[in-house]
Amino acid sequence: MALTSSEQARPDGKVLRIVLDACVLYPTVMREVLLGCAARGLFEPKWSARILEEWARATVKLGPEAEVFARGELAVVMDRFPAAMVGVQPGLEQRLWLPDPDDVHVLAAAVAGSADAILTMNAQDFPRGVLAEEGLLRVDPDNFLVGLHESDPAAVEAVVTAVAAEATRLSGEDWTPRRLMKKARLNQFAKRLG
């Protein structure tokens, strides 16, 4: 779901507060684009310690050194976005429900952080009706980035260009922004980039 221009800001005029699920933090390119947009003030990221821990643990399948590297990235991200950390009060998770009990902590972080939406690729386990009961939207990263691009194309394209340049530098392979976004499974967003 793409957020319309009118949905890109809160009624109080502030940017949206978005809880980033671990599944959008783990892929490096997706994370770098999202956090680059957040750094430009296009939205306010939110997460909990448990979400960040899931991100770090997800890298284990790449080998033990990957988790060490991820924990270093975690420290940088927490330093870069100190206001993003949400503390979840004991007992909040017990009053919430999702089809997968292992995802309730993400909903709890969104409620505790007064978020406007949860950004996830896991639509099945975050039913829109359940989230609506808590005043939350569910958005997927591809459509979310399309919406951000509609609201501020220059800022978003600057972020993507920087991420593609860094990917090229690190890999030695020439990455265009569009090709890199397609590889990151951001197909609709890639089409916007021309």
C-alpha atoms as a PDB file:
ATOM      1  CA  MET A   1       0.000   0.000   0.000  1.00  0.00           C
ATOM      2  CA  ALA A   2       1.383   3.386  -0.983  1.00  0.00           C
ATOM      3  CA  LEU A   3       0.570   6.254   1.283  1.00  0.00           C
ATOM      4  CA  THR A   4      -0.996   9.157  -0.539  1.00  0.00           C
ATOM      5  CA  SER A   5       0.531  12.612  -0.275  1.00  0.00           C
ATOM      6  CA  SER A   6      -2.032  13.540   2.349  1.00  0.00           C
ATOM      7  CA  GLU A   7      -1.154  10.414   4.352  1.00  0.00           C
ATOM      8  CA  GLN A   8       2.582  11.161   4.264  1.00  0.00           C
ATOM      9  CA  ALA A   9       2.198  13.610   7.156  1.00  0.00           C
ATOM     10  CA  ARG A  10       0.357  13.407  10.443  1.00  0.00           C
ATOM     11  CA  PRO A  11      -2.590  15.713  11.142  1.00  0.00           C
ATOM     12  CA  ASP A  12      -0.271  17.761  13.374  1.00  0.00           C
ATOM     13  CA  GLY A  13       1.968  18.375  10.336  1.00  0.00           C
ATOM     14  CA  LYS A  14       4.778  16.133  11.560  1.00  0.00           C
ATOM     15  CA  VAL A  15       6.219  13.269   9.547  1.00  0.00           C
ATOM     16  CA  LEU A  16       4.875   9.780  10.031  1.00  0.00           C
ATOM     17  CA  ARG A  17       6.287   7.556  12.749  1.00  0.00           C
ATOM     18  CA  ILE A  18       6.958   4.171  11.197  1.00  0.00           C
ATOM     19  CA  VAL A  19       7.985   0.986  13.013  1.00  0.00           C
ATOM     20  CA  LEU A  20      10.466  -0.896  10.857  1.00  0.00           C
ATOM     21  CA  ASP A  21      10.067  -4.652  11.125  1.00  0.00           C
ATOM     22  CA  ALA A  22      13.285  -6.702  11.136  1.00  0.00           C
ATOM     23  CA  CYS A  23      12.486  -8.009   7.638  1.00  0.00           C
ATOM     24  CA  VAL A  24      13.002  -4.512   6.183  1.00  0.00           C
ATOM     25  CA  LEU A  25      16.136  -3.846   8.249  1.00  0.00           C
ATOM     26  CA  TYR A  26      17.999  -7.024   7.358  1.00  0.00           C
ATOM     27  CA  PRO A  27      18.407  -6.577   3.598  1.00  0.00           C
ATOM     28  CA  THR A  28      21.243  -4.045   3.461  1.00  0.00           C
ATOM     29  CA  VAL A  29      20.116  -2.088   0.400  1.00  0.00           C
ATOM     30  CA  MET A  30      16.535  -1.782   1.626  1.00  0.00           C
ATOM     31  CA  ARG A  31      17.708  -0.667   5.059  1.00  0.00           C
ATOM     32  CA  GLU A  32      20.130   1.894   3.644  1.00  0.00           C
ATOM     33  CA  VAL A  33      17.472   3.419   1.382  1.00  0.00           C
ATOM     34  CA  LEU A  34      14.866   3.534   4.149  1.00  0.00           C
ATOM     35  CA  LEU A  35      17.222   4.992   6.731  1.00  0.00           C
ATOM     36  CA  GLY A  36      18.612   7.432   4.173  1.00  0.00           C
ATOM     37  CA  CYS A  37      15.063   8.700   3.632  1.00  0.00           C
ATOM     38  CA  ALA A  38      14.535   8.890   7.395  1.00  0.00           C
ATOM     39  CA  ALA A  39      17.769  10.867   7.786  1.00  0.00           C
ATOM     40  CA  ARG A  40      16.367  13.379   5.288  1.00  0.00           C
ATOM     41  CA  GLY A  41      13.314  13.806   7.516  1.00  0.00           C
ATOM     42  CA  LEU A  42      10.842  12.008   5.236  1.00  0.00           C
ATOM     43  CA  PHE A  43       9.618   9.817   8.096  1.00  0.00           C
ATOM     44  CA  GLU A  44      10.558   9.033  11.687  1.00  0.00           C
ATOM     45  CA  PRO A  45      11.814   5.459  12.174  1.00  0.00           C
ATOM     46  CA  LYS A  46      10.874   3.464  15.255  1.00  0.00           C
ATOM     47  CA  TRP A  47      11.973   0.061  16.531  1.00  0.00           C
ATOM     48  CA  SER A  48      12.437  -1.887  19.737  1.00  0.00           C
ATOM     49  CA  ALA A  49      15.467  -3.690  21.113  1.00  0.00           C
ATOM     50  CA  ARG A  50      13.811  -6.976  20.166  1.00  0.00           C
ATOM     51  CA  ILE A  51      13.321  -5.895  16.532  1.00  0.00           C
ATOM     52  CA  LEU A  52      16.995  -4.943  16.320  1.00  0.00           C
ATOM     53  CA  GLU A  53      17.969  -8.254  17.908  1.00  0.00           C
ATOM     54  CA  GLU A  54      15.931 -10.103  15.252  1.00  0.00           C
ATOM     55  CA  TRP A  55      17.836  -8.191  12.574  1.00  0.00           C
ATOM     56  CA  ALA A  56      21.190  -9.213  14.067  1.00  0.00           C
ATOM     57  CA  ARG A  57      20.156 -12.845  14.462  1.00  0.00           C
ATOM     58  CA  ALA A  58      18.821 -13.036  10.898  1.00  0.00           C
ATOM     59  CA  THR A  59      22.352 -12.546   9.596  1.00  0.00           C
ATOM     60  CA  VAL A  60      23.597 -15.768  11.249  1.00  0.00           C
ATOM     61  CA  LYS A  61      22.699 -17.760   8.144  1.00  0.00           C
ATOM     62  CA  LEU A  62      25.476 -15.846   6.347  1.00  0.00           C
ATOM     63  CA  GLY A  63      28.014 -17.091   8.885  1.00  0.00           C
ATOM     64  CA  PRO A  64      29.126 -16.157  12.410  1.00  0.00           C
ATOM     65  CA  GLU A  65      31.116 -13.144  11.240  1.00  0.00           C
ATOM     66  CA  ALA A  66      27.971 -11.674   9.653  1.00  0.00           C
ATOM     67  CA  GLU A  67      26.307 -11.322  13.043  1.00  0.00           C
ATOM     68  CA  VAL A  68      29.357  -9.519  14.414  1.00  0.00           C
ATOM     69  CA  PHE A  69      29.233  -7.123  11.465  1.00  0.00           C
ATOM     70  CA  ALA A  70      25.455  -6.652  11.942  1.00  0.00           C
ATOM     71  CA  ARG A  71      25.948  -5.777  15.602  1.00  0.00           C
ATOM     72  CA  GLY A  72      28.426  -3.101  14.554  1.00  0.00           C
ATOM     73  CA  GLU A  73      25.853  -1.742  12.107  1.00  0.00           C
ATOM     74  CA  LEU A  74      23.268  -1.827  14.904  1.00  0.00           C
ATOM     75  CA  ALA A  75      25.452   0.398  17.050  1.00  0.00           C
ATOM     76  CA  VAL A  76      25.832   2.889  14.199  1.00  0.00           C
ATOM     77  CA  VAL A  77      22.083   2.903  13.487  1.00  0.00           C
ATOM     78  CA  MET A  78      21.203   3.378  17.163  1.00  0.00           C
ATOM     79  CA  ASP A  79      23.678   6.258  17.387  1.00  0.00           C
ATOM     80  CA  ARG A  80      22.328   7.818  14.188  1.00  0.00           C
ATOM     81  CA  PHE A  81      18.675   7.556  15.291  1.00  0.00           C
ATOM     82  CA  PRO A  82      18.659   7.743  19.110  1.00  0.00           C
ATOM     83  CA  ALA A  83      14.965   8.702  19.255  1.00  0.00           C
ATOM     84  CA  ALA A  84      13.951   5.613  17.274  1.00  0.00           C
ATOM     85  CA  MET A  85      14.211   3.191  20.202  1.00  0.00           C
ATOM     86  CA  VAL A  86      10.845   2.349  21.741  1.00  0.00           C
ATOM     87  CA  GLY A  87      10.499   0.837  25.197  1.00  0.00           C
ATOM     88  CA  VAL A  88       7.597  -1.582  25.525  1.00  0.00           C
ATOM     89  CA  GLN A  89       5.905  -1.695  28.924  1.00  0.00           C
ATOM     90  CA  PRO A  90       5.491  -5.124  30.537  1.00  0.00           C
ATOM     91  CA  GLY A  91       2.048  -6.513  29.898  1.00  0.00           C
ATOM     92  CA  LEU A  92       1.382  -4.652  26.640  1.00  0.00           C
ATOM     93  CA  GLU A  93       2.078  -7.706  24.493  1.00  0.00           C
ATOM     94  CA  GLN A  94      -0.402  -9.787  26.514  1.00  0.00           C
ATOM     95  CA  ARG A  95      -3.351  -7.603  25.447  1.00  0.00           C
ATOM     96  CA  LEU A  96      -2.413  -7.707  21.753  1.00  0.00           C
ATOM     97  CA  TRP A  97      -3.034 -10.417  19.164  1.00  0.00           C
ATOM     98  CA  LEU A  98      -1.635 -11.298  15.753  1.00  0.00           C
ATOM     99  CA  PRO A  99      -1.869 -14.557  13.781  1.00  0.00           C
ATOM    100  CA  ASP A 100       1.788 -15.272  14.540  1.00  0.00           C
ATOM    101  CA  PRO A 101       2.459 -14.747  18.265  1.00  0.00           C
ATOM    102  CA  ASP A 102       6.148 -14.196  17.449  1.00  0.00           C
ATOM    103  CA  ASP A 103       5.212 -10.912  15.717  1.00  0.00           C
ATOM    104  CA  VAL A 104       3.191  -9.419  18.589  1.00  0.00           C
ATOM    105  CA  HIS A 105       6.298  -7.635  19.854  1.00  0.00           C
ATOM    106  CA  VAL A 106       6.380  -5.580  16.617  1.00  0.00           C
ATOM    107  CA  LEU A 107       2.776  -4.501  17.150  1.00  0.00           C
ATOM    108  CA  ALA A 108       3.600  -3.709  20.782  1.00  0.00           C
ATOM    109  CA  ALA A 109       6.489  -1.501  19.662  1.00  0.00           C
ATOM    110  CA  ALA A 110       4.164   0.334  17.280  1.00  0.00           C
ATOM    111  CA  VAL A 111       1.581   0.907  20.002  1.00  0.00           C
ATOM    112  CA  ALA A 112       4.196   1.938  22.584  1.00  0.00           C
ATOM    113  CA  GLY A 113       5.906   4.259  20.093  1.00  0.00           C
ATOM    114  CA  SER A 114       2.658   5.939  19.015  1.00  0.00           C
ATOM    115  CA  ALA A 115       3.499   4.878  15.478  1.00  0.00           C
ATOM    116  CA  ASP A 116       1.302   5.540  12.488  1.00  0.00           C
ATOM    117  CA  ALA A 117       2.246   2.379  10.596  1.00  0.00           C
ATOM    118  CA  ILE A 118       4.284  -0.808  10.569  1.00  0.00           C
ATOM    119  CA  LEU A 119       6.607  -1.224   7.599  1.00  0.00           C
ATOM    120  CA  THR A 120       6.903  -4.934   6.819  1.00  0.00           C
ATOM    121  CA  MET A 121       7.050  -7.416   3.967  1.00  0.00           C
ATOM    122  CA  ASN A 122       5.080  -9.838   6.140  1.00  0.00           C
ATOM    123  CA  ALA A 123       1.500  -8.884   5.183  1.00  0.00           C
ATOM    124  CA  GLN A 124      -0.022 -12.228   6.193  1.00  0.00           C
ATOM    125  CA  ASP A 125       0.917 -11.891   9.856  1.00  0.00           C
ATOM    126  CA  PHE A 126      -0.103  -8.220  10.160  1.00  0.00           C
ATOM    127  CA  PRO A 127      -3.790  -8.134   9.105  1.00  0.00           C
ATOM    128  CA  ARG A 128      -4.979  -4.620   8.295  1.00  0.00           C
ATOM    129  CA  GLY A 129      -8.136  -5.036  10.391  1.00  0.00           C
ATOM    130  CA  VAL A 130      -6.212  -5.999  13.512  1.00  0.00           C
ATOM    131  CA  LEU A 131      -3.793  -3.101  13.039  1.00  0.00           C
ATOM    132  CA  ALA A 132      -6.672  -0.679  12.416  1.00  0.00           C
ATOM    133  CA  GLU A 133      -8.030  -1.535  15.866  1.00  0.00           C
ATOM    134  CA  GLU A 134      -4.815  -0.017  17.237  1.00  0.00           C
ATOM    135  CA  GLY A 135      -4.942   2.953  14.838  1.00  0.00           C
ATOM    136  CA  LEU A 136      -2.136   1.581  12.667  1.00  0.00           C
ATOM    137  CA  LEU A 137      -1.564   1.027   8.977  1.00  0.00           C
ATOM    138  CA  ARG A 138       0.518  -1.727   7.431  1.00  0.00           C
ATOM    139  CA  VAL A 139       2.731  -0.708   4.527  1.00  0.00           C
ATOM    140  CA  ASP A 140       5.200  -2.655   2.434  1.00  0.00           C
ATOM    141  CA  PRO A 141       8.593  -1.096   1.654  1.00  0.00           C
ATOM    142  CA  ASP A 142       8.139  -1.026  -2.115  1.00  0.00           C
ATOM    143  CA  ASN A 143       4.921   0.982  -2.015  1.00  0.00           C
ATOM    144  CA  PHE A 144       6.114   3.056   0.915  1.00  0.00           C
ATOM    145  CA  LEU A 145       9.124   4.206  -1.086  1.00  0.00           C
ATOM    146  CA  VAL A 146       6.866   4.944  -4.061  1.00  0.00           C
ATOM    147  CA  GLY A 147       4.848   7.227  -1.772  1.00  0.00           C
ATOM    148  CA  LEU A 148       7.967   8.927  -0.417  1.00  0.00           C
ATOM    149  CA  HIS A 149       9.188   9.439  -3.981  1.00  0.00           C
ATOM    150  CA  GLU A 150       5.860  11.054  -4.916  1.00  0.00           C
ATOM    151  CA  SER A 151       6.152  13.458  -1.994  1.00  0.00           C
ATOM    152  CA  ASP A 152       9.841  14.381  -2.474  1.00  0.00           C
ATOM    153  CA  PRO A 153      11.416  12.877  -5.600  1.00  0.00           C
ATOM    154  CA  ALA A 154      14.674  14.839  -5.364  1.00  0.00           C
ATOM    155  CA  ALA A 155      15.403  13.755  -1.788  1.00  0.00           C
ATOM    156  CA  VAL A 156      14.561  10.101  -2.433  1.00  0.00           C
ATOM    157  CA  GLU A 157      16.567   9.976  -5.657  1.00  0.00           C
ATOM    158  CA  ALA A 158      19.569  11.508  -3.886  1.00  0.00           C
ATOM    159  CA  VAL A 159      19.385   8.734  -1.278  1.00  0.00           C
ATOM    160  CA  VAL A 160      19.098   5.989  -3.900  1.00  0.00           C
ATOM    161  CA  THR A 161      21.969   7.436  -5.928  1.00  0.00           C
ATOM    162  CA  ALA A 162      24.184   7.453  -2.833  1.00  0.00           C
ATOM    163  CA  VAL A 163      23.226   3.859  -1.936  1.00  0.00           C
ATOM    164  CA  ALA A 164      23.929   2.698  -5.508  1.00  0.00           C
ATOM    165  CA  ALA A 165      27.300   4.471  -5.483  1.00  0.00           C
ATOM    166  CA  GLU A 166      28.223   2.759  -2.210  1.00  0.00           C
ATOM    167  CA  ALA A 167      27.096  -0.630  -3.556  1.00  0.00           C
ATOM    168  CA  THR A 168      29.281  -0.056  -6.616  1.00  0.00           C
ATOM    169  CA  ARG A 169      32.236   0.938  -4.439  1.00  0.00           C
ATOM    170  CA  LEU A 170      31.894  -2.084  -2.160  1.00  0.00           C
ATOM    171  CA  SER A 171      31.166  -4.706  -4.815  1.00  0.00           C
ATOM    172  CA  GLY A 172      33.210  -3.402  -7.733  1.00  0.00           C
ATOM    173  CA  GLU A 173      30.142  -3.965  -9.889  1.00  0.00           C
ATOM    174  CA  ASP A 174      28.490  -1.014 -11.626  1.00  0.00           C
ATOM    175  CA  TRP A 175      25.051  -0.626 -10.008  1.00  0.00           C
ATOM    176  CA  THR A 176      22.505   1.762 -11.438  1.00  0.00           C
ATOM    177  CA  PRO A 177      19.857   2.907  -8.960  1.00  0.00           C
ATOM    178  CA  ARG A 178      17.084   1.173 -10.882  1.00  0.00           C
ATOM    179  CA  ARG A 179      18.943  -2.135 -11.191  1.00  0.00           C
ATOM    180  CA  LEU A 180      19.917  -2.109  -7.519  1.00  0.00           C
ATOM    181  CA  MET A 181      16.334  -1.426  -6.408  1.00  0.00           C
ATOM    182  CA  LYS A 182      15.103  -4.322  -8.548  1.00  0.00           C
ATOM    183  CA  LYS A 183      17.691  -6.603  -6.943  1.00  0.00           C
ATOM    184  CA  ALA A 184      16.428  -5.401  -3.546  1.00  0.00           C
ATOM    185  CA  ARG A 185      12.882  -6.534  -4.516  1.00  0.00           C
ATOM    186  CA  LEU A 186      11.642  -2.945  -4.751  1.00  0.00           C
ATOM    187  CA  ASN A 187      10.200  -3.375  -8.238  1.00  0.00           C
ATOM    188  CA  GLN A 188       7.498  -0.690  -8.273  1.00  0.00           C
ATOM    189  CA  PHE A 189       9.908   1.776  -6.755  1.00  0.00           C
ATOM    190  CA  ALA A 190      12.564   0.852  -9.332  1.00  0.00           C
ATOM    191  CA  LYS A 191      10.113   1.673 -12.142  1.00  0.00           C
ATOM    192  CA  ARG A 192       9.709   5.166 -10.686  1.00  0.00           C
ATOM    193  CA  LEU A 193      13.418   5.766 -10.992  1.00  0.00           C
ATOM    194  CA  GLY A 194      13.306   5.547 -14.786  1.00  0.00           C
END
